[in-house]
Amino acid sequence: MTDEHMLELDGARGEGGGQVLRSALALSAITATPFRIRNIRAGRARPGLLRQHLTAVQAAAAICGAEVSGAEPGSPQLTFRPGAIRGGDYRFAIGTAGSCTLVLQTILPLLWFADAPSSVEVSGGTHNKAAPPADFLIRSWGPLLAQMGLEQHLELLRHGFYPAGGGAMRAAVQPGARLRPLELFARGEFLALRAEARVAGVPGAVARREIAQLQARFDGLRGEVCELSSREGPGNVVLVEVAHAAVVEVFAGFGERGVSAETVADRTGRAVRHYLESGAAVGEHLADQLLLPLALAGGGGFTTTSLSSHLRTNVEVIQRFMPVDIALEEMSGGARVRLSARAAS
């Protein structure tokens, strides 16, 4: 395809981070649309391609046989010309604590449309505050994709905390499913509220204090402490799972040097409380992660706690690649998002 058919994207638009690049890589391969992006991550303190983003580019290129230029550390621009998406067994190493989950969310949509079943393993960071944790993909995002008809299994092989990394995730994908629209305008009946605090190379007392603090904030919360091998650390994460009949949300807080266990638990608890009081079906992060699958399914929608800059940026990118209308409506307690196939002109 010639350059006059190439989509031009500005990475400085919207939230100015890696979202534009990640969505563009997936949609480019799926729709066979080449693109050029400038000002990659212009809104970040360290702009350009970091290891995590470079790994996503290289992984997407390997899966769809793309021609790529500009795929270098720190590069502010990239040209991506996709080929045919191929199933198979893939392994990608970030080499830092960069997020495995964000790399997976870039490339898994490609494998939904591959010519054969696939397995993919990504090593790097699995739990850090700059990205959704592995548990979010496994327990929240994944089950909703299954409702849409996708056959996909996600597995956490080894924890990798910031800054050491060293974690790994694996996914197995059966292609060929016809994605069904999903509507999540209500959560359904409340089922359970549970928390799990994990430590690796960190005293178990830290996890016990986090659980105690959360139980003081939420009546009936079931708590569990998990002490991992020190080889998977050092690190600490506290996860709160809010289960309703229609959706499971996962909220995470991460231990930091100089921050008390009680503060980590309180921050996480505030996010949970905001979600519960909003009445929305999905939280801010899950809303962002559902947009692309719903667009590929040709419709659906949800209510969410807020219209984040990530979500608005994702809407712009999706509409550049696909004939889909995405309506955003702010309302009391949050917002409503609805997707529909664009009528032919």
Protein backbone atom coordinates (compact mmCIF):
# COMPACT_ATOMS: atom_id res chain seq x y z
CA MET A 1 0.00 0.00 0.00
CA THR A 2 1.36 3.43 -0.93
CA ASP A 3 2.02 6.25 1.50
CA GLU A 4 -1.08 8.15 0.38
CA HIS A 5 -3.14 5.33 1.98
CA MET A 6 -1.16 5.45 5.20
CA LEU A 7 -2.88 6.66 8.36
CA GLU A 8 -1.06 9.53 10.07
CA LEU A 9 -1.29 9.61 13.88
CA ASP A 10 -0.10 12.11 16.46
CA GLY A 11 1.07 10.45 19.67
CA ALA A 12 0.83 13.76 21.53
CA ARG A 13 -2.96 13.83 21.27
CA GLY A 14 -5.15 13.07 24.25
CA GLU A 15 -3.36 11.43 27.17
CA GLY A 16 -0.03 11.63 25.35
CA GLY A 17 1.17 8.19 26.48
CA GLY A 18 1.47 4.73 25.01
CA GLN A 19 -2.26 4.16 24.45
CA VAL A 20 -2.25 5.61 20.93
CA LEU A 21 0.60 3.30 19.90
CA ARG A 22 -0.83 0.13 21.48
CA SER A 23 -4.28 0.52 19.96
CA ALA A 24 -2.83 1.51 16.58
CA LEU A 25 -0.62 -1.59 16.43
CA ALA A 26 -3.55 -3.93 17.08
CA LEU A 27 -5.98 -2.19 14.75
CA SER A 28 -3.40 -1.78 11.99
CA ALA A 29 -2.78 -5.54 11.85
CA ILE A 30 -6.46 -6.49 12.13
CA THR A 31 -7.67 -4.01 9.48
CA ALA A 32 -4.57 -4.28 7.25
CA THR A 33 -4.06 -0.52 7.51
CA PRO A 34 -0.50 0.86 7.59
CA PHE A 35 0.16 3.83 9.85
CA ARG A 36 2.80 6.35 10.77
CA ILE A 37 2.90 7.82 14.26
CA ARG A 38 4.86 10.88 15.36
CA ASN A 39 5.46 12.36 18.81
CA ILE A 40 5.28 8.97 20.52
CA ARG A 41 4.55 9.40 24.25
CA ALA A 42 5.16 13.14 23.93
CA GLY A 43 3.25 13.76 27.15
CA ARG A 44 5.58 11.66 29.31
CA ALA A 45 8.71 12.62 31.25
CA ARG A 46 10.71 10.18 29.12
CA PRO A 47 9.13 10.45 25.66
CA GLY A 48 9.62 8.02 22.79
CA LEU A 49 9.74 4.23 22.79
CA LEU A 50 10.73 2.59 26.08
CA ARG A 51 11.51 -1.13 26.32
CA GLN A 52 7.89 -2.06 27.02
CA HIS A 53 6.59 -0.17 23.98
CA LEU A 54 9.41 -1.42 21.78
CA THR A 55 8.59 -5.00 22.79
CA ALA A 56 4.94 -4.43 21.85
CA VAL A 57 6.02 -3.14 18.43
CA GLN A 58 8.39 -6.06 17.85
CA ALA A 59 5.81 -8.59 19.03
CA ALA A 60 3.05 -7.21 16.82
CA ALA A 61 5.45 -7.10 13.86
CA ALA A 62 6.49 -10.72 14.41
CA ILE A 63 2.88 -11.91 14.58
CA CYS A 64 1.72 -10.12 11.43
CA GLY A 65 4.97 -10.01 9.42
CA ALA A 66 5.01 -6.21 9.39
CA GLU A 67 7.56 -3.93 7.79
CA VAL A 68 8.65 -1.48 10.49
CA SER A 69 10.91 1.54 10.61
CA GLY A 70 11.74 3.62 13.67
CA ALA A 71 11.62 0.70 16.14
CA GLU A 72 14.53 1.87 18.29
CA PRO A 73 14.84 2.84 21.96
CA GLY A 74 13.76 6.44 22.46
CA SER A 75 12.41 6.80 18.92
CA PRO A 76 9.65 9.46 18.71
CA GLN A 77 8.18 8.09 15.47
CA LEU A 78 7.33 4.77 13.86
CA THR A 79 6.06 3.46 10.55
CA PHE A 80 4.19 0.14 10.57
CA ARG A 81 3.05 -1.77 7.45
CA PRO A 82 1.26 -4.98 8.50
CA GLY A 83 1.14 -8.30 6.69
CA ALA A 84 -0.89 -11.45 7.35
CA ILE A 85 -1.55 -12.41 10.98
CA ARG A 86 -0.02 -15.81 11.76
CA GLY A 87 -0.78 -18.10 14.67
CA GLY A 88 1.96 -20.04 16.42
CA ASP A 89 4.05 -20.21 19.58
CA TYR A 90 5.63 -16.90 20.56
CA ARG A 91 7.94 -15.70 23.33
CA PHE A 92 8.80 -12.06 24.00
CA ALA A 93 11.07 -10.65 26.71
CA ILE A 94 10.78 -7.01 27.77
CA GLY A 95 14.08 -7.15 29.64
CA THR A 96 12.92 -4.68 32.32
CA ALA A 97 9.97 -4.37 34.73
CA GLY A 98 7.93 -2.97 31.83
CA SER A 99 4.39 -4.29 31.79
CA CYS A 100 3.66 -7.78 30.42
CA THR A 101 -0.06 -6.97 30.60
CA LEU A 102 0.17 -3.97 28.27
CA VAL A 103 2.19 -5.97 25.75
CA LEU A 104 -0.39 -8.77 25.91
CA GLN A 105 -3.28 -6.37 25.47
CA THR A 106 -1.57 -5.08 22.34
CA ILE A 107 -1.00 -8.45 20.67
CA LEU A 108 -3.82 -10.70 21.90
CA PRO A 109 -6.41 -9.04 19.59
CA LEU A 110 -4.19 -9.98 16.64
CA LEU A 111 -4.20 -13.62 17.70
CA TRP A 112 -8.01 -13.63 17.86
CA PHE A 113 -7.86 -13.24 14.06
CA ALA A 114 -4.89 -15.52 13.35
CA ASP A 115 -4.90 -18.48 10.95
CA ALA A 116 -4.15 -21.05 13.67
CA PRO A 117 -4.18 -21.49 17.47
CA SER A 118 -1.47 -19.61 19.37
CA SER A 119 0.41 -19.51 22.62
CA VAL A 120 2.39 -16.51 23.74
CA GLU A 121 4.64 -15.95 26.75
CA VAL A 122 5.78 -12.48 27.78
CA SER A 123 8.39 -11.86 30.49
CA GLY A 124 8.93 -8.62 32.38
CA GLY A 125 6.79 -6.83 34.97
CA THR A 126 3.46 -8.31 36.05
CA HIS A 127 2.66 -6.03 39.01
CA ASN A 128 3.49 -2.33 38.94
CA LYS A 129 1.38 0.76 39.49
CA ALA A 130 1.73 2.08 35.92
CA ALA A 131 -0.29 -0.76 34.36
CA PRO A 132 -3.10 -3.21 35.12
CA PRO A 133 -1.79 -6.18 37.12
CA ALA A 134 -1.89 -9.72 35.77
CA ASP A 135 -4.81 -10.51 38.08
CA PHE A 136 -6.92 -7.82 36.42
CA LEU A 137 -6.54 -9.48 33.00
CA ILE A 138 -7.17 -12.96 34.40
CA ARG A 139 -10.10 -12.27 36.74
CA SER A 140 -11.83 -9.23 35.26
CA TRP A 141 -11.04 -8.63 31.56
CA GLY A 142 -10.69 -12.27 30.49
CA PRO A 143 -14.11 -13.52 31.69
CA LEU A 144 -15.86 -10.67 29.85
CA LEU A 145 -14.07 -11.61 26.64
CA ALA A 146 -15.26 -15.18 27.15
CA GLN A 147 -18.83 -13.86 27.33
CA MET A 148 -18.16 -12.27 23.92
CA GLY A 149 -17.27 -15.68 22.49
CA LEU A 150 -13.47 -15.64 22.68
CA GLU A 151 -11.56 -18.79 23.66
CA GLN A 152 -8.55 -17.47 25.53
CA HIS A 153 -6.73 -18.64 28.65
CA LEU A 154 -4.44 -16.35 30.64
CA GLU A 155 -1.97 -17.54 33.26
CA LEU A 156 0.44 -15.85 35.66
CA LEU A 157 3.65 -17.92 35.66
CA ARG A 158 5.80 -15.80 37.95
CA HIS A 159 5.40 -12.46 39.71
CA GLY A 160 7.53 -9.54 38.54
CA PHE A 161 7.43 -6.39 40.66
CA TYR A 162 8.90 -2.98 39.89
CA PRO A 163 11.83 -2.33 39.67
CA ALA A 164 13.28 -5.87 39.42
CA GLY A 165 10.81 -7.36 36.93
CA GLY A 166 11.54 -11.02 36.20
CA GLY A 167 7.88 -12.05 35.98
CA ALA A 168 6.07 -13.89 33.21
CA MET A 169 2.59 -14.45 31.79
CA ARG A 170 1.30 -16.95 29.26
CA ALA A 171 -1.77 -16.86 27.02
CA ALA A 172 -3.35 -19.52 24.83
CA VAL A 173 -5.74 -18.38 22.10
CA GLN A 174 -8.14 -20.23 19.81
CA PRO A 175 -8.89 -18.00 16.81
CA GLY A 176 -11.95 -17.88 14.61
CA ALA A 177 -14.62 -16.83 17.11
CA ARG A 178 -17.24 -14.37 15.95
CA LEU A 179 -17.19 -11.69 18.64
CA ARG A 180 -20.58 -10.97 20.19
CA PRO A 181 -21.52 -7.47 21.37
CA LEU A 182 -21.55 -7.06 25.14
CA GLU A 183 -23.76 -4.71 27.15
CA LEU A 184 -22.77 -3.90 30.71
CA PHE A 185 -25.12 -1.18 31.85
CA ALA A 186 -25.72 -2.74 35.28
CA ARG A 187 -23.54 -4.81 37.61
CA GLY A 188 -26.23 -7.24 38.69
CA GLU A 189 -26.54 -8.78 42.14
CA PHE A 190 -23.66 -8.24 44.59
CA LEU A 191 -21.82 -11.51 45.23
CA ALA A 192 -18.62 -10.97 47.21
CA LEU A 193 -15.90 -8.59 48.34
CA ARG A 194 -12.52 -10.14 48.96
CA ALA A 195 -8.93 -8.98 49.31
CA GLU A 196 -5.55 -10.64 48.94
CA ALA A 197 -2.25 -9.13 50.02
CA ARG A 198 0.92 -10.66 48.56
CA VAL A 199 4.50 -10.12 49.61
CA ALA A 200 7.75 -11.42 48.12
CA GLY A 201 10.99 -10.69 49.94
CA VAL A 202 8.97 -8.39 52.23
CA PRO A 203 7.86 -9.22 55.81
CA GLY A 204 4.51 -11.00 56.01
CA ALA A 205 3.41 -8.48 58.64
CA VAL A 206 3.06 -5.90 55.85
CA ALA A 207 0.41 -8.00 54.10
CA ARG A 208 -1.40 -8.74 57.39
CA ARG A 209 -1.58 -5.00 58.19
CA GLU A 210 -2.99 -4.23 54.74
CA ILE A 211 -5.73 -6.83 55.14
CA ALA A 212 -6.57 -5.59 58.64
CA GLN A 213 -6.85 -2.02 57.38
CA LEU A 214 -9.19 -3.03 54.56
CA GLN A 215 -11.34 -5.12 56.89
CA ALA A 216 -11.70 -2.09 59.15
CA ARG A 217 -13.03 -0.12 56.16
CA PHE A 218 -15.35 -2.74 54.62
CA ASP A 219 -17.78 -4.91 56.58
CA GLY A 220 -17.76 -8.54 55.54
CA LEU A 221 -14.57 -8.33 53.48
CA ARG A 222 -12.81 -11.67 53.27
CA GLY A 223 -9.04 -11.31 53.43
CA GLU A 224 -6.11 -13.56 52.58
CA VAL A 225 -2.34 -13.20 52.97
CA CYS A 226 0.03 -14.81 50.48
CA GLU A 227 3.78 -14.97 51.14
CA LEU A 228 5.58 -15.67 47.87
CA SER A 229 9.12 -16.87 47.37
CA SER A 230 11.69 -14.13 47.84
CA ARG A 231 12.91 -15.01 44.34
CA GLU A 232 9.77 -13.31 42.97
CA GLY A 233 10.48 -10.05 44.80
CA PRO A 234 11.03 -7.76 46.39
CA GLY A 235 7.49 -6.55 46.09
CA ASN A 236 4.06 -6.13 47.62
CA VAL A 237 0.60 -5.89 46.07
CA VAL A 238 -2.84 -5.76 47.66
CA LEU A 239 -5.75 -6.79 45.43
CA VAL A 240 -9.42 -6.18 46.09
CA GLU A 241 -11.96 -8.12 44.03
CA VAL A 242 -15.52 -6.82 43.82
CA ALA A 243 -17.78 -9.52 42.35
CA HIS A 244 -21.26 -8.87 40.95
CA ALA A 245 -23.37 -11.18 38.82
CA ALA A 246 -22.48 -9.39 35.58
CA VAL A 247 -18.91 -8.25 36.20
CA VAL A 248 -15.90 -8.72 38.48
CA GLU A 249 -13.73 -5.67 39.12
CA VAL A 250 -10.16 -5.88 40.47
CA PHE A 251 -8.44 -2.97 42.21
CA ALA A 252 -4.74 -2.98 43.12
CA GLY A 253 -2.40 -1.08 45.42
CA PHE A 254 1.38 -1.44 45.46
CA GLY A 255 3.80 -1.19 48.33
CA GLU A 256 6.46 1.51 48.02
CA ARG A 257 9.51 2.37 50.05
CA GLY A 258 8.57 4.91 52.73
CA VAL A 259 4.80 4.30 52.39
CA SER A 260 3.05 2.48 55.22
CA ALA A 261 0.98 -0.67 54.68
CA GLU A 262 -2.04 1.20 56.03
CA THR A 263 -1.62 3.97 53.45
CA VAL A 264 -1.38 1.44 50.61
CA ALA A 265 -4.57 -0.24 51.84
CA ASP A 266 -6.39 3.08 52.29
CA ARG A 267 -5.55 4.23 48.75
CA THR A 268 -6.87 0.97 47.35
CA GLY A 269 -9.93 1.15 49.54
CA ARG A 270 -10.79 4.64 48.30
CA ALA A 271 -10.78 3.39 44.71
CA VAL A 272 -13.07 0.50 45.70
CA ARG A 273 -15.41 2.80 47.60
CA HIS A 274 -15.62 5.22 44.66
CA TYR A 275 -16.59 2.35 42.36
CA LEU A 276 -19.20 0.95 44.74
CA GLU A 277 -20.81 4.33 45.34
CA SER A 278 -20.87 5.28 41.66
CA GLY A 279 -23.34 2.61 40.62
CA ALA A 280 -21.44 2.17 37.33
CA ALA A 281 -20.90 -1.31 35.94
CA VAL A 282 -17.16 -0.98 35.27
CA GLY A 283 -14.32 1.10 36.65
CA GLU A 284 -12.11 3.53 34.79
CA HIS A 285 -9.47 1.02 33.67
CA LEU A 286 -11.79 -1.79 32.63
CA ALA A 287 -13.77 0.72 30.56
CA ASP A 288 -10.64 1.54 28.58
CA GLN A 289 -9.78 -2.13 28.03
CA LEU A 290 -13.26 -3.03 26.77
CA LEU A 291 -13.42 -0.45 23.99
CA LEU A 292 -11.37 -2.29 21.38
CA PRO A 293 -13.08 -5.71 21.79
CA LEU A 294 -16.50 -4.05 21.59
CA ALA A 295 -15.47 -2.14 18.46
CA LEU A 296 -14.33 -5.41 16.87
CA ALA A 297 -17.65 -6.99 17.85
CA GLY A 298 -19.49 -4.16 16.11
CA GLY A 299 -21.41 -2.89 19.11
CA GLY A 300 -22.23 -2.93 22.80
CA GLY A 301 -21.68 -0.59 25.68
CA PHE A 302 -21.30 -0.04 29.39
CA THR A 303 -21.59 2.43 32.22
CA THR A 304 -18.37 3.55 33.87
CA THR A 305 -17.20 5.69 36.76
CA SER A 306 -15.59 8.34 34.55
CA LEU A 307 -14.51 9.22 31.00
CA SER A 308 -10.74 9.13 31.45
CA SER A 309 -8.23 10.71 29.10
CA HIS A 310 -7.09 7.16 28.23
CA LEU A 311 -10.62 6.23 27.18
CA ARG A 312 -11.16 9.38 25.12
CA THR A 313 -7.82 8.85 23.39
CA ASN A 314 -8.70 5.24 22.64
CA VAL A 315 -12.01 6.36 21.12
CA GLU A 316 -10.16 8.67 18.72
CA VAL A 317 -7.73 5.99 17.60
CA ILE A 318 -10.40 3.31 17.11
CA GLN A 319 -12.51 5.63 14.99
CA ARG A 320 -9.53 6.39 12.75
CA PHE A 321 -9.23 2.69 11.87
CA MET A 322 -12.79 1.36 12.03
CA PRO A 323 -16.29 2.38 10.87
CA VAL A 324 -17.73 2.49 14.38
CA ASP A 325 -19.65 5.22 16.20
CA ILE A 326 -18.81 5.64 19.88
CA ALA A 327 -21.18 7.81 21.91
CA LEU A 328 -19.98 9.17 25.27
CA GLU A 329 -22.56 10.53 27.70
CA GLU A 330 -21.71 11.91 31.12
CA MET A 331 -24.37 11.24 33.73
CA SER A 332 -24.88 11.30 37.46
CA GLY A 333 -22.39 8.97 39.12
CA GLY A 334 -20.32 8.38 35.97
CA ALA A 335 -20.84 7.98 32.25
CA ARG A 336 -22.42 5.82 29.57
CA VAL A 337 -20.49 4.52 26.54
CA ARG A 338 -22.27 2.98 23.57
CA LEU A 339 -20.73 1.56 20.38
CA SER A 340 -22.48 0.81 17.10
CA ALA A 341 -21.46 0.03 13.53
CA ARG A 342 -21.39 3.18 11.43
CA ALA A 343 -24.09 3.30 8.79
CA ALA A 344 -22.81 3.16 5.22
CA SER A 345 -22.90 6.55 3.52
